Amino acid sequence: MHPHIHCAITEGGLDDRGQWRLPVKNCFLPIRAVMFKYRGHFLAQLKSAVDSGELTLPKGETSTSSHNLFNRLGRKPWNVNLRERYDTAEGVVEYLARYVRGGPMRPSQLSKFRADQDDVLFRYHAHRDNPDGGRKRCRKERLSTRELTGRLLQHVPRKGLNIVRSYGLYAVACRGKLDQARAEVGQAPVRSPKPVQVPQSSLHQKTFPQPHGQIRKSGLSNPHRLA
């Protein structure tokens, strides 16, 4: 398991007078500050879930042992990876689309299936090889079909869970402020995208054809100013 969160944020914001302000320093989000904040809030939520009984502990674990584990984790450095800003909206959309549209494994990663052994050989890149985001070495692993299916299902969100959320200027209730921010940097107001229509016949095909119509981006046309 490699639980993590991807966030796309604005590089700046509106002040009390509604004017766009860029960060005073070159580094908008210091890595250590982000790591401390995320680690603290995450562990605090886990402790609260244990105390309230919302989180079911494994057999043999107690509330005391869990809190001791959380305290030890609070003294370890957590991985935070901040990337350079994108120059165009296309870069942001392409980045997000890989996680919204794609799944945990691509078909090209499956190397071999042995029906007589009921197992699958697949390729992957280990994140632990290079936590700083550099080039990772390709590894191979063989699992039974049952275990592989179980791992894949761990990535399927439960029904009703919203895995993509918008906050701040990108929240639905803040559309007016987003248009105000865009005007501050010389951009047009956000336009609502037209819905994508997919032919019913394509739902029964393994490969989807090109959908009718266009997918229009409703975000910022120049996100290196706002993202």
Protein backbone atom coordinates (compact mmCIF):
# COMPACT_ATOMS: atom_id res chain seq x y z
CA MET A 1 0.00 0.00 0.00
CA HIS A 2 1.15 3.52 -0.79
CA PRO A 3 -1.55 5.85 0.63
CA HIS A 4 -0.99 9.46 -0.36
CA ILE A 5 -2.75 12.65 -1.43
CA HIS A 6 -2.25 14.76 -4.55
CA CYS A 7 -3.01 18.49 -4.24
CA ALA A 8 -2.99 21.24 -6.86
CA ILE A 9 -2.94 24.66 -5.17
CA THR A 10 -2.79 28.29 -6.21
CA GLU A 11 0.46 30.18 -5.89
CA GLY A 12 -1.02 33.21 -4.20
CA GLY A 13 -4.52 34.44 -3.36
CA LEU A 14 -6.91 37.37 -2.96
CA ASP A 15 -6.33 39.82 -0.14
CA ASP A 16 -9.06 41.60 1.86
CA ARG A 17 -9.43 44.17 -0.91
CA GLY A 18 -9.90 41.53 -3.57
CA GLN A 19 -6.49 42.05 -5.17
CA TRP A 20 -4.26 39.19 -6.23
CA ARG A 21 -1.15 38.72 -4.11
CA LEU A 22 1.84 36.52 -4.89
CA PRO A 23 3.96 34.93 -2.14
CA VAL A 24 6.47 37.27 -0.52
CA LYS A 25 9.15 34.57 -0.54
CA ASN A 26 10.24 32.36 -3.42
CA CYS A 27 9.17 29.24 -1.53
CA PHE A 28 5.39 29.35 -1.15
CA LEU A 29 5.11 26.09 0.80
CA PRO A 30 8.20 25.04 2.79
CA ILE A 31 8.52 21.26 2.74
CA ARG A 32 9.20 20.86 6.46
CA ALA A 33 6.24 23.05 7.42
CA VAL A 34 3.90 21.05 5.17
CA MET A 35 5.25 17.78 6.57
CA PHE A 36 4.77 18.88 10.20
CA LYS A 37 1.22 20.11 9.54
CA TYR A 38 0.12 17.05 7.58
CA ARG A 39 1.69 14.60 10.01
CA GLY A 40 0.19 16.33 13.02
CA HIS A 41 -3.35 16.54 11.64
CA PHE A 42 -3.27 12.99 10.26
CA LEU A 43 -2.12 11.41 13.52
CA ALA A 44 -4.54 13.54 15.55
CA GLN A 45 -7.43 12.21 13.45
CA LEU A 46 -6.24 8.63 13.97
CA LYS A 47 -6.02 9.10 17.73
CA SER A 48 -9.48 10.62 17.81
CA ALA A 49 -10.90 7.74 15.75
CA VAL A 50 -9.38 5.19 18.15
CA ASP A 51 -10.68 6.99 21.24
CA SER A 52 -14.20 7.29 19.82
CA GLY A 53 -14.32 3.67 18.64
CA GLU A 54 -14.72 4.73 15.01
CA LEU A 55 -11.50 2.91 14.05
CA THR A 56 -11.50 -0.86 14.59
CA LEU A 57 -8.14 -2.03 15.90
CA PRO A 58 -6.47 -5.28 14.77
CA LYS A 59 -6.63 -8.27 17.07
CA GLY A 60 -4.18 -7.89 19.94
CA GLU A 61 -3.95 -4.12 19.62
CA THR A 62 -5.19 -1.82 22.38
CA SER A 63 -5.86 1.88 22.57
CA THR A 64 -2.64 2.35 24.54
CA SER A 65 -0.47 0.41 22.09
CA SER A 66 -2.02 2.31 19.18
CA HIS A 67 -1.31 5.67 20.77
CA ASN A 68 2.28 4.56 21.42
CA LEU A 69 2.58 3.67 17.72
CA PHE A 70 1.16 7.04 16.68
CA ASN A 71 3.63 8.81 18.96
CA ARG A 72 6.53 6.93 17.38
CA LEU A 73 5.26 7.80 13.91
CA GLY A 74 5.06 11.43 15.01
CA ARG A 75 8.82 11.43 15.55
CA LYS A 76 9.60 10.04 12.09
CA PRO A 77 10.01 12.23 8.98
CA TRP A 78 7.13 11.87 6.52
CA ASN A 79 7.56 12.18 2.77
CA VAL A 80 6.42 15.44 1.16
CA ASN A 81 7.12 16.03 -2.53
CA LEU A 82 6.57 19.53 -3.92
CA ARG A 83 6.79 19.93 -7.68
CA GLU A 84 7.50 22.92 -9.91
CA ARG A 85 4.46 24.82 -11.12
CA TYR A 86 2.98 24.12 -14.54
CA ASP A 87 3.26 26.71 -17.28
CA THR A 88 -0.11 25.91 -18.89
CA ALA A 89 -3.51 24.50 -17.94
CA GLU A 90 -2.85 21.47 -20.17
CA GLY A 91 -0.13 20.31 -17.79
CA VAL A 92 -2.47 20.48 -14.79
CA VAL A 93 -5.26 18.64 -16.61
CA GLU A 94 -2.92 15.92 -17.85
CA TYR A 95 -1.50 15.45 -14.35
CA LEU A 96 -4.91 15.13 -12.69
CA ALA A 97 -6.38 12.97 -15.46
CA ARG A 98 -3.89 10.18 -14.80
CA TYR A 99 -5.35 9.71 -11.33
CA VAL A 100 -9.01 10.49 -12.04
CA ARG A 101 -9.32 8.44 -15.23
CA GLY A 102 -6.68 5.75 -14.74
CA GLY A 103 -6.59 2.82 -12.35
CA PRO A 104 -3.98 1.42 -9.96
CA MET A 105 -2.42 -0.75 -12.69
CA ARG A 106 -2.06 -0.44 -16.46
CA PRO A 107 -2.58 -3.51 -18.67
CA SER A 108 0.97 -3.08 -19.97
CA GLN A 109 2.28 -3.87 -16.47
CA LEU A 110 0.94 -7.44 -16.65
CA SER A 111 3.78 -9.62 -17.93
CA LYS A 112 2.54 -13.19 -17.69
CA PHE A 113 -0.46 -15.21 -16.51
CA ARG A 114 -0.11 -18.92 -15.74
CA ALA A 115 -3.48 -20.64 -15.74
CA ASP A 116 -2.09 -23.90 -14.34
CA GLN A 117 -0.50 -22.06 -11.39
CA ASP A 118 -3.29 -19.47 -11.10
CA ASP A 119 -0.81 -16.61 -10.68
CA VAL A 120 0.18 -13.39 -12.40
CA LEU A 121 3.60 -11.83 -13.02
CA PHE A 122 3.55 -8.02 -13.19
CA ARG A 123 5.97 -5.08 -13.27
CA TYR A 124 5.96 -1.99 -11.04
CA HIS A 125 8.13 0.88 -9.87
CA ALA A 126 8.82 0.95 -6.14
CA HIS A 127 8.25 4.39 -4.61
CA ARG A 128 10.68 3.57 -1.81
CA ASP A 129 13.55 3.32 -4.29
CA ASN A 130 13.59 7.07 -4.70
CA PRO A 131 11.19 9.01 -2.44
CA ASP A 132 12.33 12.32 -3.95
CA GLY A 133 10.52 11.53 -7.20
CA GLY A 134 13.53 10.66 -9.36
CA ARG A 135 13.89 7.72 -11.70
CA LYS A 136 12.73 4.47 -10.10
CA ARG A 137 13.96 0.98 -10.90
CA CYS A 138 11.49 -1.43 -12.45
CA ARG A 139 10.71 -4.47 -10.32
CA LYS A 140 8.74 -7.67 -10.87
CA GLU A 141 6.46 -9.59 -8.54
CA ARG A 142 4.36 -12.73 -8.85
CA LEU A 143 1.05 -13.04 -6.98
CA SER A 144 -1.86 -15.42 -7.02
CA THR A 145 -4.87 -14.11 -8.90
CA ARG A 146 -6.80 -13.97 -5.63
CA GLU A 147 -4.18 -11.84 -3.89
CA LEU A 148 -3.72 -9.55 -6.90
CA THR A 149 -7.48 -9.03 -7.14
CA GLY A 150 -7.58 -8.21 -3.43
CA ARG A 151 -4.86 -5.59 -3.82
CA LEU A 152 -6.61 -4.01 -6.78
CA LEU A 153 -9.90 -3.83 -4.89
CA GLN A 154 -8.17 -1.92 -2.10
CA HIS A 155 -7.94 0.99 -4.56
CA VAL A 156 -11.68 0.98 -5.32
CA PRO A 157 -13.38 3.72 -3.25
CA ARG A 158 -16.50 2.79 -1.37
CA LYS A 159 -19.81 3.83 -2.85
CA GLY A 160 -20.59 7.50 -2.30
CA LEU A 161 -17.01 8.48 -1.45
CA ASN A 162 -15.89 11.62 -3.26
CA ILE A 163 -12.22 11.12 -4.13
CA VAL A 164 -11.78 14.51 -5.85
CA ARG A 165 -12.58 17.63 -3.85
CA SER A 166 -12.21 21.35 -4.42
CA TYR A 167 -11.47 23.98 -1.80
CA GLY A 168 -10.76 27.69 -1.66
CA LEU A 169 -11.06 29.51 -4.96
CA TYR A 170 -11.95 26.27 -6.73
CA ALA A 171 -14.92 25.45 -4.46
CA VAL A 172 -18.32 25.67 -6.13
CA ALA A 173 -19.47 28.34 -3.68
CA CYS A 174 -16.45 30.52 -4.56
CA ARG A 175 -16.99 30.75 -8.32
CA GLY A 176 -17.36 34.53 -8.02
CA LYS A 177 -14.04 34.86 -6.21
CA LEU A 178 -12.37 32.63 -8.79
CA ASP A 179 -13.60 34.86 -11.60
CA GLN A 180 -12.39 37.86 -9.61
CA ALA A 181 -8.94 36.29 -9.25
CA ARG A 182 -8.84 35.49 -12.97
CA ALA A 183 -9.74 39.08 -13.79
CA GLU A 184 -6.87 40.27 -11.59
CA VAL A 185 -4.39 38.37 -13.79
CA GLY A 186 -6.09 39.25 -17.09
CA GLN A 187 -8.07 36.05 -17.66
CA ALA A 188 -11.66 35.56 -18.76
CA PRO A 189 -14.35 34.19 -16.38
CA VAL A 190 -14.73 30.43 -16.01
CA ARG A 191 -16.99 28.82 -18.59
CA SER A 192 -19.06 25.77 -17.69
CA PRO A 193 -17.90 22.79 -19.79
CA LYS A 194 -20.30 20.98 -22.07
CA PRO A 195 -21.19 17.45 -20.93
CA VAL A 196 -19.43 14.60 -22.70
CA GLN A 197 -21.75 12.21 -24.51
CA VAL A 198 -20.59 8.60 -24.81
CA PRO A 199 -22.46 6.26 -27.20
CA GLN A 200 -24.29 3.49 -25.36
CA SER A 201 -22.79 0.86 -27.68
CA SER A 202 -19.29 1.75 -26.52
CA LEU A 203 -20.10 0.78 -22.94
CA HIS A 204 -19.93 -2.88 -23.98
CA GLN A 205 -16.55 -2.54 -25.67
CA LYS A 206 -13.21 -3.07 -24.02
CA THR A 207 -11.80 0.06 -25.60
CA PHE A 208 -13.87 3.23 -25.61
CA PRO A 209 -14.03 5.18 -28.90
CA GLN A 210 -13.57 8.93 -28.97
CA PRO A 211 -16.57 10.52 -27.23
CA HIS A 212 -18.86 12.82 -29.18
CA GLY A 213 -18.29 16.46 -28.37
CA GLN A 214 -15.35 18.04 -26.59
CA ILE A 215 -14.08 18.09 -23.04
CA ARG A 216 -13.47 21.69 -22.14
CA LYS A 217 -11.29 22.78 -19.29
CA SER A 218 -13.04 25.05 -16.81
CA GLY A 219 -9.92 25.83 -14.81
CA LEU A 220 -7.40 28.58 -15.27
CA SER A 221 -5.98 29.09 -18.72
CA ASN A 222 -2.67 30.22 -17.25
CA PRO A 223 -2.23 28.24 -14.00
CA HIS A 224 1.38 29.21 -13.51
CA ARG A 225 -0.08 32.42 -12.09
CA LEU A 226 -2.70 30.74 -9.94
CA ALA A 227 -1.47 27.17 -9.45
